[in-house]
């Protein structure tokens, strides 16, 4: 398979518990730089929904399922996962996307 066919692109949906929006933002921002340095990472960008503070979306792309699995096993991601119940109003939702437009 080609790298494009293997590539995993997703949007992680993360909704903060009441009063935990800033704490969730801080913890998500801690993930950015180390994740971007991972050899299998292609994209890792955090967004917050306009008009809905505490609703975050992480655009993610990894070269393969193995690269995503390696990301989930990192110490920093595991540290975030241990706090998820305290920070999140609902379980993290990962929406996988398939690219249909031609690449630039």
C-alpha atoms as a PDB file:
ATOM      1  CA  UNK A   1       0.000   0.000   0.000  1.00  0.00           C
ATOM      2  CA  UNK A   2       1.066   3.576  -0.533  1.00  0.00           C
ATOM      3  CA  UNK A   3       1.668   5.959   2.319  1.00  0.00           C
ATOM      4  CA  UNK A   4      -1.507   7.871   1.401  1.00  0.00           C
ATOM      5  CA  UNK A   5      -3.545   4.670   1.654  1.00  0.00           C
ATOM      6  CA  UNK A   6      -1.966   3.784   5.008  1.00  0.00           C
ATOM      7  CA  UNK A   7      -2.188   7.304   6.468  1.00  0.00           C
ATOM      8  CA  UNK A   8      -4.702   7.768   9.293  1.00  0.00           C
ATOM      9  CA  UNK A   9      -6.407  11.140   9.574  1.00  0.00           C
ATOM     10  CA  UNK A  10      -8.797  11.838  12.417  1.00  0.00           C
ATOM     11  CA  UNK A  11     -10.492  14.472  14.502  1.00  0.00           C
ATOM     12  CA  UNK A  12     -10.507  13.904  18.248  1.00  0.00           C
ATOM     13  CA  UNK A  13     -13.527  15.498  19.956  1.00  0.00           C
ATOM     14  CA  UNK A  14     -12.894  16.491  23.582  1.00  0.00           C
ATOM     15  CA  UNK A  15     -15.594  18.201  25.664  1.00  0.00           C
ATOM     16  CA  UNK A  16     -14.532  19.603  29.035  1.00  0.00           C
ATOM     17  CA  UNK A  17     -16.430  18.961  32.238  1.00  0.00           C
ATOM     18  CA  UNK A  18     -18.028  22.073  33.731  1.00  0.00           C
ATOM     19  CA  UNK A  19     -15.288  24.264  35.171  1.00  0.00           C
ATOM     20  CA  UNK A  20     -12.490  22.180  33.584  1.00  0.00           C
ATOM     21  CA  UNK A  21     -12.108  23.999  30.240  1.00  0.00           C
ATOM     22  CA  UNK A  22      -8.859  25.758  31.080  1.00  0.00           C
ATOM     23  CA  UNK A  23      -7.365  22.652  32.691  1.00  0.00           C
ATOM     24  CA  UNK A  24      -8.259  20.592  29.621  1.00  0.00           C
ATOM     25  CA  UNK A  25      -6.748  23.239  27.325  1.00  0.00           C
ATOM     26  CA  UNK A  26      -3.481  23.186  29.327  1.00  0.00           C
ATOM     27  CA  UNK A  27      -3.246  19.404  29.238  1.00  0.00           C
ATOM     28  CA  UNK A  28      -4.006  19.213  25.514  1.00  0.00           C
ATOM     29  CA  UNK A  29      -1.427  21.879  24.717  1.00  0.00           C
ATOM     30  CA  UNK A  30       1.196  19.798  26.569  1.00  0.00           C
ATOM     31  CA  UNK A  31       0.669  17.040  23.982  1.00  0.00           C
ATOM     32  CA  UNK A  32       1.380  19.180  20.909  1.00  0.00           C
ATOM     33  CA  UNK A  33       5.160  19.487  20.733  1.00  0.00           C
ATOM     34  CA  UNK A  34       6.150  15.962  21.782  1.00  0.00           C
ATOM     35  CA  UNK A  35       3.540  14.474  19.437  1.00  0.00           C
ATOM     36  CA  UNK A  36       4.770  16.566  16.508  1.00  0.00           C
ATOM     37  CA  UNK A  37       8.275  15.163  17.119  1.00  0.00           C
ATOM     38  CA  UNK A  38       7.063  11.558  16.832  1.00  0.00           C
ATOM     39  CA  UNK A  39       8.463   9.925  13.680  1.00  0.00           C
ATOM     40  CA  UNK A  40       5.003   8.769  12.531  1.00  0.00           C
ATOM     41  CA  UNK A  41       3.169  12.054  13.103  1.00  0.00           C
ATOM     42  CA  UNK A  42       2.097  14.125  10.106  1.00  0.00           C
ATOM     43  CA  UNK A  43      -0.285  16.628  11.737  1.00  0.00           C
ATOM     44  CA  UNK A  44      -1.415  17.500  15.270  1.00  0.00           C
ATOM     45  CA  UNK A  45      -3.351  20.762  15.666  1.00  0.00           C
ATOM     46  CA  UNK A  46      -5.697  21.821  18.480  1.00  0.00           C
ATOM     47  CA  UNK A  47      -8.855  23.861  17.868  1.00  0.00           C
ATOM     48  CA  UNK A  48     -11.584  25.202  20.174  1.00  0.00           C
ATOM     49  CA  UNK A  49     -15.129  25.587  18.913  1.00  0.00           C
ATOM     50  CA  UNK A  50     -16.026  29.275  18.519  1.00  0.00           C
ATOM     51  CA  UNK A  51     -18.773  30.259  20.910  1.00  0.00           C
ATOM     52  CA  UNK A  52     -18.459  27.030  22.888  1.00  0.00           C
ATOM     53  CA  UNK A  53     -15.524  27.285  25.304  1.00  0.00           C
ATOM     54  CA  UNK A  54     -14.272  23.934  26.506  1.00  0.00           C
ATOM     55  CA  UNK A  55     -15.155  22.091  23.273  1.00  0.00           C
ATOM     56  CA  UNK A  56     -11.868  21.070  21.670  1.00  0.00           C
ATOM     57  CA  UNK A  57     -11.025  19.330  18.422  1.00  0.00           C
ATOM     58  CA  UNK A  58      -7.600  17.852  17.685  1.00  0.00           C
ATOM     59  CA  UNK A  59      -6.824  17.338  13.998  1.00  0.00           C
ATOM     60  CA  UNK A  60      -4.444  14.395  13.800  1.00  0.00           C
ATOM     61  CA  UNK A  61      -2.638  12.511  11.059  1.00  0.00           C
ATOM     62  CA  UNK A  62      -0.263   9.591  11.444  1.00  0.00           C
ATOM     63  CA  UNK A  63       1.614   7.607   8.816  1.00  0.00           C
ATOM     64  CA  UNK A  64      -0.028   4.319   9.874  1.00  0.00           C
ATOM     65  CA  UNK A  65      -2.037   2.516  12.528  1.00  0.00           C
ATOM     66  CA  UNK A  66       1.276   1.464  14.101  1.00  0.00           C
ATOM     67  CA  UNK A  67       2.291   5.132  14.412  1.00  0.00           C
ATOM     68  CA  UNK A  68      -1.041   5.983  16.070  1.00  0.00           C
ATOM     69  CA  UNK A  69      -0.660   3.021  18.414  1.00  0.00           C
ATOM     70  CA  UNK A  70       2.867   4.185  19.307  1.00  0.00           C
ATOM     71  CA  UNK A  71       1.500   7.676  20.036  1.00  0.00           C
ATOM     72  CA  UNK A  72      -1.154   6.260  22.367  1.00  0.00           C
ATOM     73  CA  UNK A  73       1.544   4.318  24.232  1.00  0.00           C
ATOM     74  CA  UNK A  74       3.778   7.346  24.934  1.00  0.00           C
ATOM     75  CA  UNK A  75       4.263   8.448  28.528  1.00  0.00           C
ATOM     76  CA  UNK A  76       2.807  11.902  27.835  1.00  0.00           C
ATOM     77  CA  UNK A  77      -0.346  10.552  26.181  1.00  0.00           C
ATOM     78  CA  UNK A  78      -0.798   8.004  28.959  1.00  0.00           C
ATOM     79  CA  UNK A  79      -0.446  10.818  31.531  1.00  0.00           C
ATOM     80  CA  UNK A  80      -3.247  12.670  29.728  1.00  0.00           C
ATOM     81  CA  UNK A  81      -5.388   9.522  29.546  1.00  0.00           C
ATOM     82  CA  UNK A  82      -5.105   9.043  33.330  1.00  0.00           C
ATOM     83  CA  UNK A  83      -6.708  12.484  33.797  1.00  0.00           C
ATOM     84  CA  UNK A  84      -9.409  12.064  31.158  1.00  0.00           C
ATOM     85  CA  UNK A  85     -12.233  11.089  33.536  1.00  0.00           C
ATOM     86  CA  UNK A  86     -11.578  14.180  35.636  1.00  0.00           C
ATOM     87  CA  UNK A  87     -11.290  16.557  32.651  1.00  0.00           C
ATOM     88  CA  UNK A  88     -13.830  15.269  30.119  1.00  0.00           C
ATOM     89  CA  UNK A  89     -17.625  15.504  30.271  1.00  0.00           C
ATOM     90  CA  UNK A  90     -17.902  12.545  27.877  1.00  0.00           C
ATOM     91  CA  UNK A  91     -15.456   9.970  26.524  1.00  0.00           C
ATOM     92  CA  UNK A  92     -13.000  11.181  23.906  1.00  0.00           C
ATOM     93  CA  UNK A  93     -14.431  10.517  20.465  1.00  0.00           C
ATOM     94  CA  UNK A  94     -12.086   9.802  17.563  1.00  0.00           C
ATOM     95  CA  UNK A  95     -13.583  10.352  14.099  1.00  0.00           C
ATOM     96  CA  UNK A  96     -11.545   8.793  11.281  1.00  0.00           C
ATOM     97  CA  UNK A  97     -11.597  10.554   7.914  1.00  0.00           C
ATOM     98  CA  UNK A  98     -10.818   9.403   4.401  1.00  0.00           C
ATOM     99  CA  UNK A  99      -9.258  11.940   2.061  1.00  0.00           C
ATOM    100  CA  UNK A 100     -11.222  12.249  -1.166  1.00  0.00           C
ATOM    101  CA  UNK A 101      -9.710  15.363  -2.735  1.00  0.00           C
ATOM    102  CA  UNK A 102      -6.453  15.155  -4.666  1.00  0.00           C
ATOM    103  CA  UNK A 103      -3.361  16.122  -2.653  1.00  0.00           C
ATOM    104  CA  UNK A 104      -1.788  19.464  -3.534  1.00  0.00           C
END
